[in-house]
Amino acid sequence: MHSTQVLKVPVQTEKAVKAAAEGQYTFYVDQNANKIEVMNAVRELYGVVPRDVKMINLPQKKTGRGRIKRKPT
């Protein structure tokens, strides 16, 4: 998998911006990427060697309108 396919976009939330000030960066990554691919992509695109890569899989949120519960589009 190519580096630009692994790292999608940086996360731009208040919590992520505070962590970036301390040198910890947050990205949305491809669902099929593993830690080694993420580490290599950061090394290739940004020219730095990450000390650690932490990953989390979040479940998709469901939206509701009346009695119908569905996944967002």
PDB file of N, CA and C in Angstrom:
ATOM      1  N   MET A   1       0.844  -1.168   0.000  1.00  0.00           N
ATOM      2  CA  MET A   1       0.000   0.000   0.000  1.00  0.00           C
ATOM      3  C   MET A   1       0.899   1.245   0.000  1.00  0.00           C
ATOM      4  N   HIS A   2       0.572   2.222  -0.822  1.00  0.00           N
ATOM      5  CA  HIS A   2       1.380   3.443  -0.952  1.00  0.00           C
ATOM      6  C   HIS A   2       1.168   4.352   0.260  1.00  0.00           C
ATOM      7  N   SER A   3       2.167   5.159   0.589  1.00  0.00           N
ATOM      8  CA  SER A   3       2.122   6.012   1.781  1.00  0.00           C
ATOM      9  C   SER A   3       0.954   6.991   1.760  1.00  0.00           C
ATOM     10  N   THR A   4       0.641   7.519   0.585  1.00  0.00           N
ATOM     11  CA  THR A   4      -0.467   8.472   0.512  1.00  0.00           C
ATOM     12  C   THR A   4      -1.818   7.781   0.662  1.00  0.00           C
ATOM     13  N   GLN A   5      -1.865   6.476   0.470  1.00  0.00           N
ATOM     14  CA  GLN A   5      -3.102   5.733   0.688  1.00  0.00           C
ATOM     15  C   GLN A   5      -3.264   5.345   2.150  1.00  0.00           C
ATOM     16  N   VAL A   6      -2.157   5.214   2.860  1.00  0.00           N
ATOM     17  CA  VAL A   6      -2.214   4.816   4.267  1.00  0.00           C
ATOM     18  C   VAL A   6      -2.708   5.977   5.122  1.00  0.00           C
ATOM     19  N   LEU A   7      -2.054   7.136   5.027  1.00  0.00           N
ATOM     20  CA  LEU A   7      -2.464   8.310   5.793  1.00  0.00           C
ATOM     21  C   LEU A   7      -3.483   9.094   4.985  1.00  0.00           C
ATOM     22  N   LYS A   8      -4.697   9.191   5.488  1.00  0.00           N
ATOM     23  CA  LYS A   8      -5.740   9.908   4.753  1.00  0.00           C
ATOM     24  C   LYS A   8      -5.654  11.410   5.023  1.00  0.00           C
ATOM     25  N   VAL A   9      -5.976  11.837   6.242  1.00  0.00           N
ATOM     26  CA  VAL A   9      -5.924  13.260   6.602  1.00  0.00           C
ATOM     27  C   VAL A   9      -5.548  13.384   8.067  1.00  0.00           C
ATOM     28  N   PRO A  10      -4.928  14.500   8.468  1.00  0.00           N
ATOM     29  CA  PRO A  10      -4.700  14.728   9.892  1.00  0.00           C
ATOM     30  C   PRO A  10      -6.016  15.091  10.586  1.00  0.00           C
ATOM     31  N   VAL A  11      -6.127  14.721  11.838  1.00  0.00           N
ATOM     32  CA  VAL A  11      -7.320  15.020  12.618  1.00  0.00           C
ATOM     33  C   VAL A  11      -7.221  16.459  13.121  1.00  0.00           C
ATOM     34  N   GLN A  12      -8.273  17.244  12.919  1.00  0.00           N
ATOM     35  CA  GLN A  12      -8.282  18.643  13.329  1.00  0.00           C
ATOM     36  C   GLN A  12      -9.346  18.865  14.397  1.00  0.00           C
ATOM     37  N   THR A  13      -9.098  18.354  15.588  1.00  0.00           N
ATOM     38  CA  THR A  13      -9.981  18.602  16.718  1.00  0.00           C
ATOM     39  C   THR A  13      -9.196  19.352  17.778  1.00  0.00           C
ATOM     40  N   GLU A  14      -9.897  19.880  18.749  1.00  0.00           N
ATOM     41  CA  GLU A  14      -9.239  20.638  19.807  1.00  0.00           C
ATOM     42  C   GLU A  14      -8.243  19.759  20.572  1.00  0.00           C
ATOM     43  N   LYS A  15      -8.631  18.548  20.841  1.00  0.00           N
ATOM     44  CA  LYS A  15      -7.763  17.615  21.566  1.00  0.00           C
ATOM     45  C   LYS A  15      -6.518  17.260  20.744  1.00  0.00           C
ATOM     46  N   ALA A  16      -6.686  17.051  19.439  1.00  0.00           N
ATOM     47  CA  ALA A  16      -5.558  16.701  18.574  1.00  0.00           C
ATOM     48  C   ALA A  16      -4.593  17.866  18.419  1.00  0.00           C
ATOM     49  N   VAL A  17      -5.111  19.093  18.383  1.00  0.00           N
ATOM     50  CA  VAL A  17      -4.254  20.268  18.256  1.00  0.00           C
ATOM     51  C   VAL A  17      -3.417  20.463  19.521  1.00  0.00           C
ATOM     52  N   LYS A  18      -4.010  20.227  20.688  1.00  0.00           N
ATOM     53  CA  LYS A  18      -3.253  20.319  21.949  1.00  0.00           C
ATOM     54  C   LYS A  18      -2.156  19.255  22.003  1.00  0.00           C
ATOM     55  N   ALA A  19      -2.463  18.048  21.534  1.00  0.00           N
ATOM     56  CA  ALA A  19      -1.473  16.969  21.525  1.00  0.00           C
ATOM     57  C   ALA A  19      -0.352  17.273  20.531  1.00  0.00           C
ATOM     58  N   ALA A  20      -0.679  17.943  19.417  1.00  0.00           N
ATOM     59  CA  ALA A  20       0.331  18.284  18.418  1.00  0.00           C
ATOM     60  C   ALA A  20       1.335  19.284  18.978  1.00  0.00           C
ATOM     61  N   ALA A  21       0.914  20.131  19.888  1.00  0.00           N
ATOM     62  CA  ALA A  21       1.831  21.075  20.514  1.00  0.00           C
ATOM     63  C   ALA A  21       2.872  20.348  21.363  1.00  0.00           C
ATOM     64  N   GLU A  22       2.533  19.141  21.807  1.00  0.00           N
ATOM     65  CA  GLU A  22       3.456  18.323  22.597  1.00  0.00           C
ATOM     66  C   GLU A  22       4.208  17.314  21.738  1.00  0.00           C
ATOM     67  N   GLY A  23       4.005  17.357  20.417  1.00  0.00           N
ATOM     68  CA  GLY A  23       4.732  16.470  19.521  1.00  0.00           C
ATOM     69  C   GLY A  23       4.033  15.159  19.206  1.00  0.00           C
ATOM     70  N   GLN A  24       2.757  15.040  19.542  1.00  0.00           N
ATOM     71  CA  GLN A  24       1.994  13.826  19.261  1.00  0.00           C
ATOM     72  C   GLN A  24       0.974  14.156  18.177  1.00  0.00           C
ATOM     73  N   TYR A  25       1.044  13.475  17.040  1.00  0.00           N
ATOM     74  CA  TYR A  25       0.211  13.802  15.893  1.00  0.00           C
ATOM     75  C   TYR A  25      -0.818  12.715  15.656  1.00  0.00           C
ATOM     76  N   THR A  26      -1.976  13.112  15.162  1.00  0.00           N
ATOM     77  CA  THR A  26      -3.106  12.211  14.984  1.00  0.00           C
ATOM     78  C   THR A  26      -3.560  12.244  13.529  1.00  0.00           C
ATOM     79  N   PHE A  27      -3.776  11.054  12.954  1.00  0.00           N
ATOM     80  CA  PHE A  27      -4.197  10.942  11.564  1.00  0.00           C
ATOM     81  C   PHE A  27      -5.348   9.962  11.446  1.00  0.00           C
ATOM     82  N   TYR A  28      -6.199  10.184  10.443  1.00  0.00           N
ATOM     83  CA  TYR A  28      -7.121   9.149  10.008  1.00  0.00           C
ATOM     84  C   TYR A  28      -6.332   8.285   9.036  1.00  0.00           C
ATOM     85  N   VAL A  29      -6.386   6.964   9.228  1.00  0.00           N
ATOM     86  CA  VAL A  29      -5.624   6.056   8.372  1.00  0.00           C
ATOM     87  C   VAL A  29      -6.565   5.051   7.721  1.00  0.00           C
ATOM     88  N   ASP A  30      -6.049   4.366   6.713  1.00  0.00           N
ATOM     89  CA  ASP A  30      -6.812   3.336   6.024  1.00  0.00           C
ATOM     90  C   ASP A  30      -7.156   2.224   7.000  1.00  0.00           C
ATOM     91  N   GLN A  31      -8.344   1.690   6.874  1.00  0.00           N
ATOM     92  CA  GLN A  31      -8.821   0.659   7.796  1.00  0.00           C
ATOM     93  C   GLN A  31      -7.981  -0.620   7.722  1.00  0.00           C
ATOM     94  N   ASN A  32      -7.380  -0.900   6.580  1.00  0.00           N
ATOM     95  CA  ASN A  32      -6.605  -2.130   6.416  1.00  0.00           C
ATOM     96  C   ASN A  32      -5.126  -1.944   6.744  1.00  0.00           C
ATOM     97  N   ALA A  33      -4.702  -0.745   7.116  1.00  0.00           N
ATOM     98  CA  ALA A  33      -3.293  -0.480   7.408  1.00  0.00           C
ATOM     99  C   ALA A  33      -2.938  -1.005   8.800  1.00  0.00           C
ATOM    100  N   ASN A  34      -1.689  -1.467   8.926  1.00  0.00           N
ATOM    101  CA  ASN A  34      -1.214  -1.896  10.235  1.00  0.00           C
ATOM    102  C   ASN A  34      -0.197  -0.873  10.767  1.00  0.00           C
ATOM    103  N   LYS A  35       0.315  -1.109  11.969  1.00  0.00           N
ATOM    104  CA  LYS A  35       1.211  -0.146  12.608  1.00  0.00           C
ATOM    105  C   LYS A  35       2.507   0.059  11.823  1.00  0.00           C
ATOM    106  N   ILE A  36       3.020  -0.984  11.248  1.00  0.00           N
ATOM    107  CA  ILE A  36       4.281  -0.878  10.498  1.00  0.00           C
ATOM    108  C   ILE A  36       4.078  -0.024   9.257  1.00  0.00           C
ATOM    109  N   GLU A  37       2.959  -0.213   8.552  1.00  0.00           N
ATOM    110  CA  GLU A  37       2.678   0.600   7.372  1.00  0.00           C
ATOM    111  C   GLU A  37       2.480   2.068   7.732  1.00  0.00           C
ATOM    112  N   VAL A  38       1.817   2.324   8.860  1.00  0.00           N
ATOM    113  CA  VAL A  38       1.613   3.706   9.305  1.00  0.00           C
ATOM    114  C   VAL A  38       2.957   4.345   9.664  1.00  0.00           C
ATOM    115  N   MET A  39       3.805   3.615  10.358  1.00  0.00           N
ATOM    116  CA  MET A  39       5.112   4.142  10.742  1.00  0.00           C
ATOM    117  C   MET A  39       5.955   4.454   9.499  1.00  0.00           C
ATOM    118  N   ASN A  40       5.946   3.563   8.522  1.00  0.00           N
ATOM    119  CA  ASN A  40       6.711   3.794   7.294  1.00  0.00           C
ATOM    120  C   ASN A  40       6.153   4.969   6.496  1.00  0.00           C
ATOM    121  N   ALA A  41       4.830   5.131   6.494  1.00  0.00           N
ATOM    122  CA  ALA A  41       4.214   6.244   5.764  1.00  0.00           C
ATOM    123  C   ALA A  41       4.587   7.582   6.395  1.00  0.00           C
ATOM    124  N   VAL A  42       4.579   7.661   7.712  1.00  0.00           N
ATOM    125  CA  VAL A  42       4.969   8.899   8.399  1.00  0.00           C
ATOM    126  C   VAL A  42       6.442   9.190   8.135  1.00  0.00           C
ATOM    127  N   ARG A  43       7.258   8.166   8.175  1.00  0.00           N
ATOM    128  CA  ARG A  43       8.696   8.344   7.917  1.00  0.00           C
ATOM    129  C   ARG A  43       8.934   8.853   6.498  1.00  0.00           C
ATOM    130  N   GLU A  44       8.204   8.301   5.524  1.00  0.00           N
ATOM    131  CA  GLU A  44       8.401   8.677   4.124  1.00  0.00           C
ATOM    132  C   GLU A  44       7.845  10.070   3.813  1.00  0.00           C
ATOM    133  N   LEU A  45       6.642  10.374   4.312  1.00  0.00           N
ATOM    134  CA  LEU A  45       5.998  11.637   3.961  1.00  0.00           C
ATOM    135  C   LEU A  45       6.521  12.831   4.754  1.00  0.00           C
ATOM    136  N   TYR A  46       6.871  12.635   6.034  1.00  0.00           N
ATOM    137  CA  TYR A  46       7.252  13.751   6.882  1.00  0.00           C
ATOM    138  C   TYR A  46       8.739  13.779   7.238  1.00  0.00           C
ATOM    139  N   GLY A  47       9.458  12.717   6.943  1.00  0.00           N
ATOM    140  CA  GLY A  47      10.899  12.702   7.182  1.00  0.00           C
ATOM    141  C   GLY A  47      11.284  12.603   8.645  1.00  0.00           C
ATOM    142  N   VAL A  48      10.416  12.059   9.475  1.00  0.00           N
ATOM    143  CA  VAL A  48      10.714  11.863  10.891  1.00  0.00           C
ATOM    144  C   VAL A  48      10.516  10.387  11.232  1.00  0.00           C
ATOM    145  N   VAL A  49      11.173   9.960  12.296  1.00  0.00           N
ATOM    146  CA  VAL A  49      11.035   8.579  12.739  1.00  0.00           C
ATOM    147  C   VAL A  49      10.128   8.559  13.970  1.00  0.00           C
ATOM    148  N   PRO A  50       8.922   8.001  13.842  1.00  0.00           N
ATOM    149  CA  PRO A  50       8.019   7.946  15.002  1.00  0.00           C
ATOM    150  C   PRO A  50       8.541   6.992  16.060  1.00  0.00           C
ATOM    151  N   ARG A  51       8.392   7.392  17.316  1.00  0.00           N
ATOM    152  CA  ARG A  51       8.794   6.520  18.424  1.00  0.00           C
ATOM    153  C   ARG A  51       7.775   5.423  18.664  1.00  0.00           C
ATOM    154  N   ASP A  52       6.490   5.767  18.492  1.00  0.00           N
ATOM    155  CA  ASP A  52       5.426   4.823  18.824  1.00  0.00           C
ATOM    156  C   ASP A  52       4.218   5.094  17.935  1.00  0.00           C
ATOM    157  N   VAL A  53       3.479   4.059  17.598  1.00  0.00           N
ATOM    158  CA  VAL A  53       2.243   4.199  16.830  1.00  0.00           C
ATOM    159  C   VAL A  53       1.137   3.523  17.622  1.00  0.00           C
ATOM    160  N   LYS A  54       0.103   4.288  17.910  1.00  0.00           N
ATOM    161  CA  LYS A  54      -1.059   3.751  18.614  1.00  0.00           C
ATOM    162  C   LYS A  54      -2.252   3.847  17.693  1.00  0.00           C
ATOM    163  N   MET A  55      -3.035   2.767  17.621  1.00  0.00           N
ATOM    164  CA  MET A  55      -4.186   2.728  16.713  1.00  0.00           C
ATOM    165  C   MET A  55      -5.432   2.349  17.489  1.00  0.00           C
ATOM    166  N   ILE A  56      -6.567   2.868  17.017  1.00  0.00           N
ATOM    167  CA  ILE A  56      -7.850   2.554  17.622  1.00  0.00           C
ATOM    168  C   ILE A  56      -8.883   2.421  16.514  1.00  0.00           C
ATOM    169  N   ASN A  57      -9.759   1.444  16.626  1.00  0.00           N
ATOM    170  CA  ASN A  57     -10.864   1.258  15.681  1.00  0.00           C
ATOM    171  C   ASN A  57     -12.148   1.695  16.360  1.00  0.00           C
ATOM    172  N   LEU A  58     -12.797   2.701  15.791  1.00  0.00           N
ATOM    173  CA  LEU A  58     -14.045   3.198  16.349  1.00  0.00           C
ATOM    174  C   LEU A  58     -15.217   2.625  15.568  1.00  0.00           C
ATOM    175  N   PRO A  59     -16.278   2.194  16.272  1.00  0.00           N
ATOM    176  CA  PRO A  59     -17.456   1.708  15.559  1.00  0.00           C
ATOM    177  C   PRO A  59     -18.178   2.868  14.894  1.00  0.00           C
ATOM    178  N   GLN A  60     -18.867   2.588  13.798  1.00  0.00           N
ATOM    179  CA  GLN A  60     -19.596   3.611  13.082  1.00  0.00           C
ATOM    180  C   GLN A  60     -20.825   4.018  13.887  1.00  0.00           C
ATOM    181  N   LYS A  61     -21.074   5.314  13.990  1.00  0.00           N
ATOM    182  CA  LYS A  61     -22.219   5.804  14.752  1.00  0.00           C
ATOM    183  C   LYS A  61     -23.498   5.602  13.949  1.00  0.00           C
ATOM    184  N   LYS A  62     -24.577   5.298  14.662  1.00  0.00           N
ATOM    185  CA  LYS A  62     -25.869   5.128  14.021  1.00  0.00           C
ATOM    186  C   LYS A  62     -26.678   6.411  14.210  1.00  0.00           C
ATOM    187  N   THR A  63     -27.433   6.752  13.196  1.00  0.00           N
ATOM    188  CA  THR A  63     -28.301   7.911  13.281  1.00  0.00           C
ATOM    189  C   THR A  63     -29.738   7.446  13.374  1.00  0.00           C
ATOM    190  N   GLY A  64     -30.577   8.234  13.980  1.00  0.00           N
ATOM    191  CA  GLY A  64     -31.958   7.839  14.126  1.00  0.00           C
ATOM    192  C   GLY A  64     -32.917   8.932  13.720  1.00  0.00           C
ATOM    193  N   ARG A  65     -33.956   8.550  13.042  1.00  0.00           N
ATOM    194  CA  ARG A  65     -35.045   9.465  12.697  1.00  0.00           C
ATOM    195  C   ARG A  65     -36.343   8.705  12.970  1.00  0.00           C
ATOM    196  N   GLY A  66     -36.974   9.035  14.053  1.00  0.00           N
ATOM    197  CA  GLY A  66     -38.205   8.319  14.410  1.00  0.00           C
ATOM    198  C   GLY A  66     -37.876   6.910  14.875  1.00  0.00           C
ATOM    199  N   ARG A  67     -38.526   5.930  14.291  1.00  0.00           N
ATOM    200  CA  ARG A  67     -38.301   4.539  14.710  1.00  0.00           C
ATOM    201  C   ARG A  67     -37.239   3.857  13.884  1.00  0.00           C
ATOM    202  N   ILE A  68     -36.706   4.515  12.868  1.00  0.00           N
ATOM    203  CA  ILE A  68     -35.749   3.874  11.960  1.00  0.00           C
ATOM    204  C   ILE A  68     -34.326   4.222  12.381  1.00  0.00           C
ATOM    205  N   LYS A  69     -33.518   3.221  12.675  1.00  0.00           N
ATOM    206  CA  LYS A  69     -32.116   3.411  13.010  1.00  0.00           C
ATOM    207  C   LYS A  69     -31.284   2.968  11.816  1.00  0.00           C
ATOM    208  N   ARG A  70     -30.375   3.821  11.359  1.00  0.00           N
ATOM    209  CA  ARG A  70     -29.554   3.473  10.194  1.00  0.00           C
ATOM    210  C   ARG A  70     -28.166   4.056  10.328  1.00  0.00           C
ATOM    211  N   LYS A  71     -27.272   3.560   9.510  1.00  0.00           N
ATOM    212  CA  LYS A  71     -25.907   4.082   9.468  1.00  0.00           C
ATOM    213  C   LYS A  71     -25.876   5.330   8.623  1.00  0.00           C
ATOM    214  N   PRO A  72     -25.018   6.296   8.969  1.00  0.00           N
ATOM    215  CA  PRO A  72     -24.933   7.501   8.136  1.00  0.00           C
ATOM    216  C   PRO A  72     -24.336   7.190   6.779  1.00  0.00           C
ATOM    217  N   THR A  73     -24.693   7.988   5.779  1.00  0.00           N
ATOM    218  CA  THR A  73     -24.187   7.762   4.427  1.00  0.00           C
ATOM    219  C   THR A  73     -22.924   8.523   4.192  1.00  0.00           C
TER     220      THR A  73
END
